[in-house]
Amino acid sequence: MSEFLLLSRGQWDADQSPEQIQGAIDAFYGWFDEQAAAGVFKGGSRLGTGCRLVTRERVLDGPFTEAKEIIGGYWFIVADSLDEAARIAAKNPCLACGLSYEIRPLEAERASAFRAANETPMASA
């Protein structure tokens, strides 16, 4: 079994009523609790609205993303594969109200400048 990071992205559909959104939220927490009891989900959290972007030059207020790129929360899924983690996330009740989910495998290895990773610059053609 491996662990995967699930990132909740986007915003609620503008045409959804607060009651519809609350229904999806309540269904999510019920679903999440069942998955956690089964060992499929591990902890996570919603994220607050404040943000700082820290660069080598300065610290800036944020967030600096378009609405479709907003990360609203994170959780951890325990699954045999990335595909299985995606199948689990596809059952999230909040999908019906506009949110989407990005799932990323967690690497157990420490970073190395000698191994390709997310931070490795793309080779120019």
N, C-alpha and C. Protein backbone atom coordinates (compact mmCIF):
# COMPACT_ATOMS: atom_id res chain seq x y z
N MET A 1 0.84 -1.19 0.00
CA MET A 1 0.00 0.00 0.00
C MET A 1 0.88 1.24 0.00
N SER A 2 0.42 2.26 -0.68
CA SER A 2 1.14 3.53 -0.78
C SER A 2 0.23 4.65 -0.31
N GLU A 3 0.84 5.79 -0.02
CA GLU A 3 0.06 6.96 0.35
C GLU A 3 0.05 7.96 -0.80
N PHE A 4 -1.09 8.62 -0.95
CA PHE A 4 -1.29 9.61 -2.00
C PHE A 4 -1.88 10.86 -1.37
N LEU A 5 -1.43 12.00 -1.86
CA LEU A 5 -1.97 13.28 -1.42
C LEU A 5 -3.13 13.64 -2.33
N LEU A 6 -4.27 13.95 -1.73
CA LEU A 6 -5.43 14.39 -2.48
C LEU A 6 -5.60 15.89 -2.22
N LEU A 7 -5.56 16.68 -3.27
CA LEU A 7 -5.75 18.13 -3.16
C LEU A 7 -7.13 18.48 -3.70
N SER A 8 -7.91 19.17 -2.87
CA SER A 8 -9.23 19.64 -3.29
C SER A 8 -9.03 20.96 -4.03
N ARG A 9 -9.52 21.03 -5.27
CA ARG A 9 -9.29 22.20 -6.11
C ARG A 9 -10.60 22.83 -6.56
N GLY A 10 -10.53 24.11 -6.85
CA GLY A 10 -11.65 24.82 -7.46
C GLY A 10 -12.57 25.46 -6.45
N GLN A 11 -13.73 25.84 -6.93
CA GLN A 11 -14.75 26.47 -6.10
C GLN A 11 -16.09 25.83 -6.40
N TRP A 12 -17.02 26.04 -5.49
CA TRP A 12 -18.37 25.52 -5.68
C TRP A 12 -18.99 26.15 -6.92
N ASP A 13 -19.82 25.38 -7.63
CA ASP A 13 -20.55 25.92 -8.77
C ASP A 13 -21.41 27.09 -8.32
N ALA A 14 -21.38 28.17 -9.07
CA ALA A 14 -22.12 29.39 -8.72
C ALA A 14 -23.63 29.17 -8.72
N ASP A 15 -24.11 28.19 -9.49
CA ASP A 15 -25.56 27.96 -9.57
C ASP A 15 -26.07 27.01 -8.49
N GLN A 16 -25.20 26.54 -7.61
CA GLN A 16 -25.62 25.67 -6.52
C GLN A 16 -26.09 26.52 -5.34
N SER A 17 -27.20 26.13 -4.75
CA SER A 17 -27.69 26.85 -3.56
C SER A 17 -26.84 26.46 -2.35
N PRO A 18 -26.85 27.31 -1.33
CA PRO A 18 -26.13 26.94 -0.10
C PRO A 18 -26.61 25.60 0.47
N GLU A 19 -27.90 25.30 0.33
CA GLU A 19 -28.43 24.02 0.82
C GLU A 19 -27.85 22.84 0.03
N GLN A 20 -27.72 23.00 -1.27
CA GLN A 20 -27.13 21.93 -2.09
C GLN A 20 -25.66 21.72 -1.72
N ILE A 21 -24.94 22.81 -1.56
CA ILE A 21 -23.53 22.72 -1.20
C ILE A 21 -23.38 22.10 0.18
N GLN A 22 -24.21 22.52 1.15
CA GLN A 22 -24.13 21.95 2.48
C GLN A 22 -24.46 20.46 2.45
N GLY A 23 -25.39 20.06 1.61
CA GLY A 23 -25.70 18.63 1.45
C GLY A 23 -24.49 17.85 0.98
N ALA A 24 -23.75 18.41 0.02
CA ALA A 24 -22.54 17.75 -0.48
C ALA A 24 -21.47 17.71 0.61
N ILE A 25 -21.35 18.79 1.37
CA ILE A 25 -20.36 18.82 2.45
C ILE A 25 -20.70 17.77 3.50
N ASP A 26 -21.96 17.70 3.91
CA ASP A 26 -22.38 16.70 4.90
C ASP A 26 -22.14 15.28 4.38
N ALA A 27 -22.47 15.06 3.10
CA ALA A 27 -22.23 13.73 2.50
C ALA A 27 -20.74 13.42 2.46
N PHE A 28 -19.92 14.44 2.19
CA PHE A 28 -18.47 14.24 2.18
C PHE A 28 -17.98 13.75 3.54
N TYR A 29 -18.38 14.45 4.60
CA TYR A 29 -17.88 14.07 5.92
C TYR A 29 -18.34 12.67 6.32
N GLY A 30 -19.55 12.29 5.96
CA GLY A 30 -19.99 10.91 6.22
C GLY A 30 -19.15 9.91 5.45
N TRP A 31 -18.93 10.20 4.16
CA TRP A 31 -18.12 9.34 3.30
C TRP A 31 -16.68 9.28 3.81
N PHE A 32 -16.13 10.44 4.18
CA PHE A 32 -14.76 10.50 4.68
C PHE A 32 -14.62 9.66 5.95
N ASP A 33 -15.56 9.81 6.88
CA ASP A 33 -15.49 9.05 8.13
C ASP A 33 -15.52 7.54 7.87
N GLU A 34 -16.34 7.09 6.93
CA GLU A 34 -16.38 5.67 6.58
C GLU A 34 -15.04 5.21 6.01
N GLN A 35 -14.47 6.03 5.11
CA GLN A 35 -13.19 5.68 4.49
C GLN A 35 -12.07 5.68 5.54
N ALA A 36 -12.09 6.63 6.46
CA ALA A 36 -11.07 6.70 7.50
C ALA A 36 -11.17 5.47 8.41
N ALA A 37 -12.40 5.08 8.77
CA ALA A 37 -12.59 3.90 9.62
C ALA A 37 -12.08 2.64 8.94
N ALA A 38 -12.14 2.60 7.61
CA ALA A 38 -11.67 1.46 6.84
C ALA A 38 -10.16 1.53 6.56
N GLY A 39 -9.51 2.61 6.98
CA GLY A 39 -8.07 2.76 6.75
C GLY A 39 -7.70 3.28 5.38
N VAL A 40 -8.68 3.74 4.61
CA VAL A 40 -8.43 4.24 3.26
C VAL A 40 -8.01 5.71 3.28
N PHE A 41 -8.59 6.48 4.18
CA PHE A 41 -8.24 7.89 4.32
C PHE A 41 -7.46 8.09 5.61
N LYS A 42 -6.48 8.97 5.54
CA LYS A 42 -5.77 9.43 6.72
C LYS A 42 -6.12 10.90 6.88
N GLY A 43 -5.58 11.52 7.89
CA GLY A 43 -5.90 12.91 8.19
C GLY A 43 -5.72 13.87 7.05
N GLY A 44 -6.21 15.03 7.25
CA GLY A 44 -6.10 16.12 6.30
C GLY A 44 -6.83 17.30 6.88
N SER A 45 -7.05 18.31 6.06
CA SER A 45 -7.70 19.50 6.58
C SER A 45 -8.13 20.41 5.45
N ARG A 46 -9.14 21.21 5.74
CA ARG A 46 -9.44 22.34 4.87
C ARG A 46 -8.33 23.35 5.08
N LEU A 47 -8.15 24.23 4.12
CA LEU A 47 -7.14 25.28 4.23
C LEU A 47 -7.82 26.62 4.44
N GLY A 48 -7.20 27.47 5.23
CA GLY A 48 -7.71 28.83 5.44
C GLY A 48 -7.54 29.67 4.19
N THR A 49 -8.06 30.87 4.22
CA THR A 49 -8.04 31.72 3.03
C THR A 49 -6.79 32.58 2.91
N GLY A 50 -6.03 32.75 3.97
CA GLY A 50 -4.81 33.55 3.89
C GLY A 50 -3.68 32.77 3.23
N CYS A 51 -2.70 33.50 2.74
CA CYS A 51 -1.57 32.84 2.08
C CYS A 51 -0.40 33.80 1.99
N ARG A 52 0.80 33.27 1.99
CA ARG A 52 2.02 34.03 1.71
C ARG A 52 2.83 33.22 0.70
N LEU A 53 3.39 33.91 -0.25
CA LEU A 53 4.31 33.31 -1.20
C LEU A 53 5.70 33.76 -0.80
N VAL A 54 6.56 32.82 -0.47
CA VAL A 54 7.92 33.14 -0.02
C VAL A 54 8.88 32.80 -1.15
N THR A 55 9.59 33.80 -1.64
CA THR A 55 10.60 33.61 -2.68
C THR A 55 11.95 34.03 -2.12
N ARG A 56 12.99 33.86 -2.90
CA ARG A 56 14.31 34.29 -2.42
C ARG A 56 14.40 35.81 -2.29
N GLU A 57 13.52 36.53 -3.03
CA GLU A 57 13.55 37.99 -3.00
C GLU A 57 12.66 38.62 -1.93
N ARG A 58 11.49 37.97 -1.65
CA ARG A 58 10.54 38.62 -0.75
C ARG A 58 9.43 37.67 -0.32
N VAL A 59 8.58 38.20 0.53
CA VAL A 59 7.36 37.52 0.95
C VAL A 59 6.18 38.35 0.46
N LEU A 60 5.26 37.70 -0.27
CA LEU A 60 4.11 38.39 -0.86
C LEU A 60 2.81 37.85 -0.30
N ASP A 61 1.79 38.70 -0.23
CA ASP A 61 0.46 38.24 0.13
C ASP A 61 -0.11 37.44 -1.02
N GLY A 62 -0.99 36.51 -0.73
CA GLY A 62 -1.60 35.68 -1.76
C GLY A 62 -3.00 35.29 -1.32
N PRO A 63 -3.60 34.29 -1.92
CA PRO A 63 -3.05 33.41 -2.95
C PRO A 63 -3.02 34.06 -4.33
N PHE A 64 -2.27 33.47 -5.23
CA PHE A 64 -2.06 34.01 -6.57
C PHE A 64 -2.55 33.06 -7.64
N THR A 65 -3.67 32.43 -7.40
CA THR A 65 -4.17 31.44 -8.35
C THR A 65 -5.51 31.87 -8.91
N GLU A 66 -5.81 31.34 -10.08
CA GLU A 66 -7.14 31.52 -10.65
C GLU A 66 -8.10 30.65 -9.86
N ALA A 67 -9.39 30.95 -9.94
CA ALA A 67 -10.39 30.20 -9.18
C ALA A 67 -10.29 28.70 -9.42
N LYS A 68 -10.03 28.28 -10.65
CA LYS A 68 -9.96 26.85 -10.95
C LYS A 68 -8.73 26.19 -10.34
N GLU A 69 -7.74 26.99 -9.92
CA GLU A 69 -6.51 26.43 -9.36
C GLU A 69 -6.47 26.51 -7.84
N ILE A 70 -7.49 27.08 -7.22
CA ILE A 70 -7.50 27.24 -5.77
C ILE A 70 -7.44 25.87 -5.10
N ILE A 71 -6.59 25.74 -4.10
CA ILE A 71 -6.53 24.52 -3.31
C ILE A 71 -7.27 24.80 -2.01
N GLY A 72 -8.35 24.06 -1.78
CA GLY A 72 -9.19 24.30 -0.62
C GLY A 72 -8.91 23.39 0.55
N GLY A 73 -8.22 22.29 0.31
CA GLY A 73 -7.92 21.36 1.38
C GLY A 73 -7.08 20.21 0.88
N TYR A 74 -6.67 19.36 1.81
CA TYR A 74 -5.85 18.20 1.45
C TYR A 74 -6.19 17.04 2.37
N TRP A 75 -6.04 15.84 1.86
CA TRP A 75 -6.23 14.62 2.62
C TRP A 75 -5.26 13.59 2.08
N PHE A 76 -5.12 12.50 2.78
CA PHE A 76 -4.24 11.42 2.35
C PHE A 76 -5.05 10.17 2.12
N ILE A 77 -4.79 9.52 1.00
CA ILE A 77 -5.45 8.26 0.64
C ILE A 77 -4.41 7.15 0.72
N VAL A 78 -4.80 6.01 1.25
CA VAL A 78 -3.95 4.82 1.26
C VAL A 78 -4.53 3.87 0.23
N ALA A 79 -3.74 3.53 -0.78
CA ALA A 79 -4.23 2.69 -1.88
C ALA A 79 -3.07 1.91 -2.48
N ASP A 80 -3.42 0.92 -3.30
CA ASP A 80 -2.39 0.11 -3.96
C ASP A 80 -1.75 0.80 -5.15
N SER A 81 -2.45 1.77 -5.75
CA SER A 81 -1.92 2.43 -6.94
C SER A 81 -2.55 3.81 -7.10
N LEU A 82 -1.97 4.60 -7.96
CA LEU A 82 -2.52 5.91 -8.29
C LEU A 82 -3.91 5.76 -8.90
N ASP A 83 -4.11 4.74 -9.75
CA ASP A 83 -5.42 4.52 -10.35
C ASP A 83 -6.46 4.18 -9.30
N GLU A 84 -6.09 3.35 -8.31
CA GLU A 84 -7.03 3.01 -7.25
C GLU A 84 -7.36 4.26 -6.42
N ALA A 85 -6.37 5.08 -6.13
CA ALA A 85 -6.61 6.32 -5.39
C ALA A 85 -7.57 7.21 -6.16
N ALA A 86 -7.42 7.28 -7.48
CA ALA A 86 -8.32 8.08 -8.31
C ALA A 86 -9.74 7.52 -8.28
N ARG A 87 -9.88 6.21 -8.29
CA ARG A 87 -11.21 5.60 -8.22
C ARG A 87 -11.87 5.93 -6.88
N ILE A 88 -11.10 5.94 -5.82
CA ILE A 88 -11.63 6.30 -4.51
C ILE A 88 -12.08 7.76 -4.51
N ALA A 89 -11.23 8.65 -5.00
CA ALA A 89 -11.55 10.08 -5.02
C ALA A 89 -12.76 10.37 -5.92
N ALA A 90 -12.96 9.57 -6.94
CA ALA A 90 -14.08 9.78 -7.87
C ALA A 90 -15.43 9.58 -7.20
N LYS A 91 -15.45 9.01 -6.01
CA LYS A 91 -16.69 8.80 -5.27
C LYS A 91 -16.98 9.95 -4.31
N ASN A 92 -16.15 10.98 -4.30
CA ASN A 92 -16.33 12.11 -3.40
C ASN A 92 -17.61 12.87 -3.75
N PRO A 93 -18.53 13.03 -2.81
CA PRO A 93 -19.80 13.70 -3.10
C PRO A 93 -19.65 15.16 -3.54
N CYS A 94 -18.56 15.81 -3.23
CA CYS A 94 -18.39 17.23 -3.58
C CYS A 94 -18.11 17.44 -5.06
N LEU A 95 -17.79 16.39 -5.79
CA LEU A 95 -17.60 16.52 -7.23
C LEU A 95 -18.85 17.05 -7.91
N ALA A 96 -20.02 16.68 -7.39
CA ALA A 96 -21.29 17.08 -7.99
C ALA A 96 -21.54 18.59 -7.89
N CYS A 97 -20.81 19.26 -7.02
CA CYS A 97 -21.02 20.70 -6.83
C CYS A 97 -19.86 21.54 -7.35
N GLY A 98 -18.96 20.96 -8.15
CA GLY A 98 -17.96 21.76 -8.83
C GLY A 98 -16.51 21.58 -8.43
N LEU A 99 -16.26 20.92 -7.31
CA LEU A 99 -14.86 20.74 -6.92
C LEU A 99 -14.22 19.64 -7.75
N SER A 100 -12.91 19.67 -7.83
CA SER A 100 -12.16 18.60 -8.50
C SER A 100 -11.01 18.21 -7.57
N TYR A 101 -10.36 17.11 -7.90
CA TYR A 101 -9.34 16.58 -7.01
C TYR A 101 -8.10 16.20 -7.79
N GLU A 102 -6.97 16.62 -7.28
CA GLU A 102 -5.67 16.22 -7.82
C GLU A 102 -5.09 15.20 -6.85
N ILE A 103 -4.58 14.11 -7.38
CA ILE A 103 -4.00 13.06 -6.54
C ILE A 103 -2.55 12.88 -6.94
N ARG A 104 -1.67 12.92 -5.94
CA ARG A 104 -0.24 12.83 -6.19
C ARG A 104 0.36 11.74 -5.30
N PRO A 105 1.21 10.90 -5.87
CA PRO A 105 1.89 9.91 -5.02
C PRO A 105 2.91 10.60 -4.13
N LEU A 106 3.07 10.10 -2.92
CA LEU A 106 4.10 10.61 -2.02
C LEU A 106 5.36 9.81 -2.23
N GLU A 107 6.49 10.48 -2.28
CA GLU A 107 7.79 9.82 -2.44
C GLU A 107 8.42 9.64 -1.08
N ALA A 108 8.85 8.44 -0.79
CA ALA A 108 9.50 8.16 0.49
C ALA A 108 10.96 8.64 0.48
N GLU A 109 11.54 8.69 -0.71
CA GLU A 109 12.95 9.08 -0.83
C GLU A 109 13.14 10.57 -0.58
N ARG A 110 14.28 10.90 -0.02
CA ARG A 110 14.64 12.31 0.09
C ARG A 110 14.99 12.86 -1.29
N ALA A 111 14.85 14.16 -1.43
CA ALA A 111 15.19 14.80 -2.71
C ALA A 111 16.68 14.66 -2.99
N SER A 112 17.01 14.64 -4.26
CA SER A 112 18.40 14.59 -4.70
C SER A 112 18.53 15.40 -5.98
N ALA A 113 19.58 16.18 -6.07
CA ALA A 113 19.83 16.96 -7.27
C ALA A 113 20.24 16.07 -8.44
N PHE A 114 20.51 14.81 -8.17
CA PHE A 114 20.99 13.89 -9.20
C PHE A 114 19.91 12.95 -9.70
N ARG A 115 18.66 13.21 -9.32
CA ARG A 115 17.54 12.37 -9.74
C ARG A 115 16.42 13.30 -10.20
N ALA A 116 15.80 12.97 -11.32
CA ALA A 116 14.70 13.78 -11.84
C ALA A 116 13.54 13.78 -10.85
N ALA A 117 12.96 14.96 -10.65
CA ALA A 117 11.83 15.11 -9.74
C ALA A 117 10.98 16.29 -10.22
N ASN A 118 9.93 16.62 -9.46
CA ASN A 118 9.06 17.73 -9.85
C ASN A 118 9.81 19.04 -9.99
N GLU A 119 10.84 19.25 -9.16
CA GLU A 119 11.56 20.52 -9.16
C GLU A 119 12.69 20.58 -10.21
N THR A 120 12.96 19.47 -10.89
CA THR A 120 14.04 19.42 -11.86
C THR A 120 13.66 20.22 -13.11
N PRO A 121 14.50 21.17 -13.52
CA PRO A 121 14.18 21.94 -14.72
C PRO A 121 14.06 21.04 -15.95
N MET A 122 13.15 21.41 -16.83
CA MET A 122 12.99 20.69 -18.09
C MET A 122 14.20 20.97 -18.97
N ALA A 123 14.69 19.95 -19.63
CA ALA A 123 15.81 20.12 -20.55
C ALA A 123 15.33 20.89 -21.78
N SER A 124 16.13 21.86 -22.22
CA SER A 124 15.73 22.60 -23.43
C SER A 124 16.02 21.79 -24.67
N ALA A 125 15.18 22.02 -25.66
CA ALA A 125 15.29 21.25 -26.91
C ALA A 125 16.38 21.75 -27.80
